[in-house]
Amino acid sequence: MTRAVHLNRKLELQTPVETADGAGGNVASWATLGTLWAEIRQGTGRELDQQSLSVASTTSRIIVRAAQVGAPSRPRPEQRFVEGMRVFRILAVSELDSEQRYLVCHAREEVIK
């Protein structure tokens, strides 16, 4: 039995975009696709050393209303959620319940210290 879902957080769904930089290369940035109401269930955390930086990383399960495969409102692994200064990189997406009413997005929030 799935526990009750409380969509009480307003998150921006963003997708990566590349634009020409005028010098033959590309500049990576993010475009907002829309806003989704979500529930964030915190997971475990850890600290990593990456290229002389200390990075704190936590995993989260972010639950949103379901959308059909291919719909722009359905999150995908290369996208991210943003809430203020918090950024959650989406790692995987699957259905939460057998009725396919909700999706669970497995995400990683990283903060550089």
N, C-alpha and C. Protein backbone atom coordinates (compact mmCIF):
# COMPACT_ATOMS: atom_id res chain seq x y z
N MET A 1 0.83 -1.18 0.00
CA MET A 1 0.00 0.00 0.00
C MET A 1 0.89 1.25 0.00
N THR A 2 0.59 2.18 -0.89
CA THR A 2 1.36 3.41 -1.00
C THR A 2 0.88 4.42 0.03
N ARG A 3 1.81 5.06 0.70
CA ARG A 3 1.42 6.08 1.68
C ARG A 3 0.85 7.29 0.96
N ALA A 4 0.04 8.06 1.66
CA ALA A 4 -0.61 9.23 1.06
C ALA A 4 0.42 10.21 0.51
N VAL A 5 0.09 10.82 -0.61
CA VAL A 5 0.97 11.78 -1.27
C VAL A 5 0.47 13.19 -0.96
N HIS A 6 1.39 14.07 -0.57
CA HIS A 6 1.05 15.46 -0.27
C HIS A 6 1.87 16.37 -1.19
N LEU A 7 1.24 16.83 -2.25
CA LEU A 7 1.91 17.70 -3.21
C LEU A 7 1.90 19.14 -2.66
N ASN A 8 2.91 19.45 -1.87
CA ASN A 8 2.94 20.72 -1.15
C ASN A 8 4.14 21.60 -1.47
N ARG A 9 4.92 21.24 -2.50
CA ARG A 9 6.10 22.01 -2.89
C ARG A 9 5.97 22.40 -4.35
N LYS A 10 6.24 23.65 -4.66
CA LYS A 10 6.15 24.16 -6.02
C LYS A 10 7.56 24.15 -6.62
N LEU A 11 7.77 23.28 -7.63
CA LEU A 11 9.09 23.13 -8.24
C LEU A 11 9.04 23.52 -9.71
N GLU A 12 10.10 24.16 -10.19
CA GLU A 12 10.24 24.44 -11.62
C GLU A 12 10.88 23.22 -12.28
N LEU A 13 10.32 22.78 -13.39
CA LEU A 13 10.93 21.73 -14.19
C LEU A 13 11.74 22.41 -15.28
N GLN A 14 13.04 22.12 -15.33
CA GLN A 14 13.92 22.74 -16.31
C GLN A 14 14.58 21.68 -17.18
N THR A 15 14.86 22.06 -18.43
CA THR A 15 15.52 21.17 -19.37
C THR A 15 16.78 21.86 -19.90
N PRO A 16 17.82 21.10 -20.21
CA PRO A 16 19.04 21.73 -20.73
C PRO A 16 18.85 22.19 -22.18
N VAL A 17 19.43 23.34 -22.50
CA VAL A 17 19.42 23.86 -23.88
C VAL A 17 20.82 24.33 -24.21
N GLU A 18 21.17 24.21 -25.46
CA GLU A 18 22.46 24.71 -25.94
C GLU A 18 22.21 25.73 -27.01
N THR A 19 22.91 26.85 -26.93
CA THR A 19 22.80 27.89 -27.95
C THR A 19 24.19 28.18 -28.49
N ALA A 20 24.24 28.58 -29.73
CA ALA A 20 25.52 28.91 -30.37
C ALA A 20 26.14 30.11 -29.67
N ASP A 21 27.47 30.04 -29.46
CA ASP A 21 28.15 31.14 -28.79
C ASP A 21 28.73 32.15 -29.78
N GLY A 22 28.54 31.93 -31.08
CA GLY A 22 29.04 32.85 -32.09
C GLY A 22 30.49 32.60 -32.47
N ALA A 23 31.14 31.68 -31.80
CA ALA A 23 32.54 31.38 -32.10
C ALA A 23 32.71 29.91 -32.49
N GLY A 24 31.62 29.29 -32.92
CA GLY A 24 31.69 27.90 -33.34
C GLY A 24 31.40 26.88 -32.24
N GLY A 25 31.16 27.35 -31.07
CA GLY A 25 30.86 26.46 -29.95
C GLY A 25 29.44 26.64 -29.45
N ASN A 26 29.16 26.03 -28.32
CA ASN A 26 27.84 26.13 -27.72
C ASN A 26 27.95 26.56 -26.27
N VAL A 27 26.89 27.19 -25.78
CA VAL A 27 26.78 27.58 -24.39
C VAL A 27 25.60 26.82 -23.80
N ALA A 28 25.84 26.11 -22.71
CA ALA A 28 24.78 25.34 -22.06
C ALA A 28 24.05 26.22 -21.06
N SER A 29 22.72 26.11 -21.06
CA SER A 29 21.91 26.83 -20.08
C SER A 29 20.65 26.00 -19.81
N TRP A 30 19.72 26.55 -19.05
CA TRP A 30 18.51 25.83 -18.67
C TRP A 30 17.29 26.64 -19.06
N ALA A 31 16.25 25.96 -19.56
CA ALA A 31 14.98 26.59 -19.90
C ALA A 31 13.89 25.98 -19.01
N THR A 32 13.04 26.83 -18.46
CA THR A 32 11.95 26.37 -17.62
C THR A 32 10.79 25.89 -18.48
N LEU A 33 10.35 24.66 -18.24
CA LEU A 33 9.23 24.08 -18.98
C LEU A 33 7.90 24.38 -18.30
N GLY A 34 7.93 24.57 -17.00
CA GLY A 34 6.71 24.82 -16.25
C GLY A 34 6.92 24.56 -14.78
N THR A 35 5.83 24.68 -14.03
CA THR A 35 5.86 24.47 -12.59
C THR A 35 5.02 23.26 -12.24
N LEU A 36 5.55 22.39 -11.39
CA LEU A 36 4.83 21.20 -10.94
C LEU A 36 4.75 21.22 -9.42
N TRP A 37 3.60 20.78 -8.90
CA TRP A 37 3.47 20.58 -7.46
C TRP A 37 4.02 19.21 -7.13
N ALA A 38 4.78 19.14 -6.05
CA ALA A 38 5.50 17.91 -5.74
C ALA A 38 5.57 17.66 -4.24
N GLU A 39 5.93 16.44 -3.91
CA GLU A 39 6.31 16.08 -2.54
C GLU A 39 7.76 15.61 -2.62
N ILE A 40 8.58 16.10 -1.71
CA ILE A 40 9.98 15.69 -1.66
C ILE A 40 10.18 14.79 -0.46
N ARG A 41 10.65 13.57 -0.72
CA ARG A 41 10.98 12.62 0.35
C ARG A 41 12.49 12.47 0.37
N GLN A 42 13.09 12.94 1.45
CA GLN A 42 14.55 12.93 1.56
C GLN A 42 15.09 11.51 1.71
N GLY A 43 16.26 11.32 1.14
CA GLY A 43 16.95 10.04 1.25
C GLY A 43 18.22 10.20 2.06
N THR A 44 19.23 9.47 1.68
CA THR A 44 20.50 9.50 2.40
C THR A 44 21.43 10.55 1.82
N GLY A 45 22.44 10.92 2.59
CA GLY A 45 23.42 11.90 2.14
C GLY A 45 24.83 11.37 2.28
N ARG A 46 25.75 12.04 1.59
CA ARG A 46 27.17 11.69 1.70
C ARG A 46 28.00 12.87 1.24
N GLU A 47 29.28 12.82 1.56
CA GLU A 47 30.19 13.88 1.16
C GLU A 47 31.26 13.30 0.25
N LEU A 48 31.56 14.00 -0.84
CA LEU A 48 32.53 13.56 -1.82
C LEU A 48 33.57 14.63 -2.04
N ASP A 49 34.77 14.23 -2.44
CA ASP A 49 35.79 15.19 -2.87
C ASP A 49 35.89 15.08 -4.39
N GLN A 50 35.59 16.19 -5.08
CA GLN A 50 35.65 16.21 -6.54
C GLN A 50 36.48 17.40 -6.99
N GLN A 51 37.60 17.14 -7.61
CA GLN A 51 38.47 18.17 -8.17
C GLN A 51 38.74 19.31 -7.19
N SER A 52 39.25 18.98 -6.03
CA SER A 52 39.61 19.93 -4.97
C SER A 52 38.42 20.62 -4.33
N LEU A 53 37.20 20.12 -4.56
CA LEU A 53 36.00 20.67 -3.93
C LEU A 53 35.36 19.62 -3.06
N SER A 54 34.78 20.05 -1.97
CA SER A 54 34.01 19.16 -1.12
C SER A 54 32.55 19.31 -1.53
N VAL A 55 31.92 18.22 -1.95
CA VAL A 55 30.55 18.26 -2.44
C VAL A 55 29.67 17.41 -1.53
N ALA A 56 28.64 18.02 -0.98
CA ALA A 56 27.67 17.28 -0.19
C ALA A 56 26.55 16.86 -1.14
N SER A 57 26.18 15.60 -1.11
CA SER A 57 25.19 15.07 -2.03
C SER A 57 24.12 14.31 -1.26
N THR A 58 22.86 14.60 -1.55
CA THR A 58 21.77 13.84 -0.95
C THR A 58 20.84 13.36 -2.05
N THR A 59 20.25 12.21 -1.83
CA THR A 59 19.27 11.69 -2.78
C THR A 59 17.87 12.02 -2.28
N SER A 60 16.96 12.17 -3.21
CA SER A 60 15.57 12.47 -2.88
C SER A 60 14.67 11.71 -3.82
N ARG A 61 13.47 11.44 -3.34
CA ARG A 61 12.40 10.92 -4.19
C ARG A 61 11.40 12.05 -4.32
N ILE A 62 11.23 12.56 -5.53
CA ILE A 62 10.32 13.67 -5.77
C ILE A 62 9.10 13.13 -6.49
N ILE A 63 7.94 13.30 -5.88
CA ILE A 63 6.70 12.74 -6.42
C ILE A 63 5.87 13.86 -7.04
N VAL A 64 5.43 13.62 -8.28
CA VAL A 64 4.59 14.58 -9.02
C VAL A 64 3.43 13.82 -9.65
N ARG A 65 2.41 14.57 -10.10
CA ARG A 65 1.30 13.94 -10.82
C ARG A 65 1.82 13.34 -12.11
N ALA A 66 1.24 12.22 -12.50
CA ALA A 66 1.68 11.52 -13.70
C ALA A 66 1.35 12.31 -14.96
N ALA A 67 2.15 12.11 -15.98
CA ALA A 67 1.92 12.65 -17.31
C ALA A 67 2.33 11.56 -18.29
N GLN A 68 1.72 11.54 -19.45
CA GLN A 68 2.01 10.49 -20.42
C GLN A 68 3.43 10.60 -20.94
N VAL A 69 4.00 9.47 -21.33
CA VAL A 69 5.33 9.44 -21.91
C VAL A 69 5.33 10.35 -23.14
N GLY A 70 6.32 11.22 -23.23
CA GLY A 70 6.42 12.16 -24.35
C GLY A 70 5.80 13.52 -24.08
N ALA A 71 4.98 13.64 -23.05
CA ALA A 71 4.37 14.93 -22.71
C ALA A 71 5.46 15.86 -22.16
N PRO A 72 5.43 17.15 -22.50
CA PRO A 72 6.46 18.07 -21.98
C PRO A 72 6.44 18.20 -20.46
N SER A 73 5.31 17.89 -19.84
CA SER A 73 5.22 18.00 -18.38
C SER A 73 5.72 16.75 -17.67
N ARG A 74 6.12 15.71 -18.41
CA ARG A 74 6.66 14.50 -17.78
C ARG A 74 8.17 14.65 -17.63
N PRO A 75 8.66 14.65 -16.40
CA PRO A 75 10.11 14.80 -16.17
C PRO A 75 10.91 13.67 -16.83
N ARG A 76 12.15 14.01 -17.22
CA ARG A 76 13.07 13.04 -17.83
C ARG A 76 14.42 13.11 -17.11
N PRO A 77 15.21 12.05 -17.19
CA PRO A 77 16.47 12.01 -16.45
C PRO A 77 17.46 13.14 -16.73
N GLU A 78 17.50 13.72 -17.90
CA GLU A 78 18.48 14.79 -18.14
C GLU A 78 18.02 16.15 -17.61
N GLN A 79 16.83 16.21 -17.08
CA GLN A 79 16.26 17.48 -16.60
C GLN A 79 16.54 17.67 -15.11
N ARG A 80 16.01 18.79 -14.58
CA ARG A 80 16.19 19.06 -13.15
C ARG A 80 14.98 19.82 -12.62
N PHE A 81 14.83 19.76 -11.28
CA PHE A 81 13.84 20.56 -10.57
C PHE A 81 14.58 21.66 -9.82
N VAL A 82 13.97 22.83 -9.74
CA VAL A 82 14.56 23.95 -9.01
C VAL A 82 13.52 24.50 -8.04
N GLU A 83 13.94 24.71 -6.80
CA GLU A 83 13.12 25.34 -5.77
C GLU A 83 13.99 26.39 -5.10
N GLY A 84 13.82 27.65 -5.50
CA GLY A 84 14.67 28.71 -4.97
C GLY A 84 16.12 28.45 -5.34
N MET A 85 16.98 28.32 -4.33
CA MET A 85 18.40 28.05 -4.55
C MET A 85 18.73 26.56 -4.60
N ARG A 86 17.72 25.72 -4.41
CA ARG A 86 17.94 24.27 -4.40
C ARG A 86 17.75 23.70 -5.81
N VAL A 87 18.65 22.81 -6.20
CA VAL A 87 18.60 22.18 -7.52
C VAL A 87 18.65 20.67 -7.33
N PHE A 88 17.70 19.97 -7.96
CA PHE A 88 17.62 18.51 -7.88
C PHE A 88 17.78 17.94 -9.29
N ARG A 89 18.89 17.27 -9.54
CA ARG A 89 19.14 16.66 -10.85
C ARG A 89 18.39 15.33 -10.92
N ILE A 90 17.56 15.16 -11.94
CA ILE A 90 16.75 13.95 -12.08
C ILE A 90 17.60 12.82 -12.65
N LEU A 91 17.63 11.69 -11.93
CA LEU A 91 18.42 10.53 -12.33
C LEU A 91 17.57 9.47 -13.02
N ALA A 92 16.33 9.28 -12.57
CA ALA A 92 15.44 8.27 -13.13
C ALA A 92 13.99 8.63 -12.80
N VAL A 93 13.06 8.15 -13.62
CA VAL A 93 11.63 8.42 -13.42
C VAL A 93 10.86 7.12 -13.60
N SER A 94 9.90 6.86 -12.69
CA SER A 94 9.05 5.67 -12.81
C SER A 94 7.69 5.97 -12.19
N GLU A 95 6.74 5.07 -12.43
CA GLU A 95 5.41 5.22 -11.82
C GLU A 95 5.52 4.87 -10.34
N LEU A 96 4.80 5.62 -9.51
CA LEU A 96 4.81 5.37 -8.08
C LEU A 96 3.79 4.31 -7.70
N ASP A 97 2.61 4.35 -8.34
CA ASP A 97 1.51 3.48 -7.95
C ASP A 97 0.98 2.70 -9.15
N SER A 98 0.27 1.62 -8.87
CA SER A 98 -0.24 0.77 -9.95
C SER A 98 -1.31 1.46 -10.78
N GLU A 99 -1.98 2.48 -10.23
CA GLU A 99 -2.99 3.23 -10.98
C GLU A 99 -2.35 4.28 -11.88
N GLN A 100 -1.06 4.45 -11.81
CA GLN A 100 -0.29 5.41 -12.60
C GLN A 100 -0.79 6.84 -12.43
N ARG A 101 -1.12 7.21 -11.18
CA ARG A 101 -1.55 8.57 -10.88
C ARG A 101 -0.37 9.49 -10.58
N TYR A 102 0.74 8.89 -10.12
CA TYR A 102 1.91 9.68 -9.72
C TYR A 102 3.18 9.10 -10.33
N LEU A 103 4.16 9.97 -10.50
CA LEU A 103 5.50 9.57 -10.90
C LEU A 103 6.44 9.82 -9.73
N VAL A 104 7.45 8.98 -9.63
CA VAL A 104 8.51 9.24 -8.65
C VAL A 104 9.78 9.52 -9.44
N CYS A 105 10.39 10.66 -9.13
CA CYS A 105 11.63 11.07 -9.78
C CYS A 105 12.76 10.89 -8.76
N HIS A 106 13.67 10.00 -9.07
CA HIS A 106 14.82 9.80 -8.21
C HIS A 106 15.82 10.90 -8.58
N ALA A 107 16.18 11.72 -7.61
CA ALA A 107 16.98 12.90 -7.90
C ALA A 107 18.12 13.04 -6.90
N ARG A 108 19.11 13.83 -7.29
CA ARG A 108 20.25 14.11 -6.42
C ARG A 108 20.37 15.61 -6.27
N GLU A 109 20.42 16.05 -5.03
CA GLU A 109 20.67 17.46 -4.72
C GLU A 109 22.12 17.57 -4.30
N GLU A 110 22.88 18.44 -4.97
CA GLU A 110 24.28 18.62 -4.63
C GLU A 110 24.54 20.06 -4.25
N VAL A 111 25.30 20.24 -3.20
CA VAL A 111 25.66 21.56 -2.72
C VAL A 111 27.18 21.61 -2.62
N ILE A 112 27.80 22.56 -3.30
CA ILE A 112 29.25 22.70 -3.22
C ILE A 112 29.59 23.57 -2.03
N LYS A 113 30.49 23.04 -1.18
CA LYS A 113 30.87 23.78 0.03
C LYS A 113 32.19 24.48 -0.17
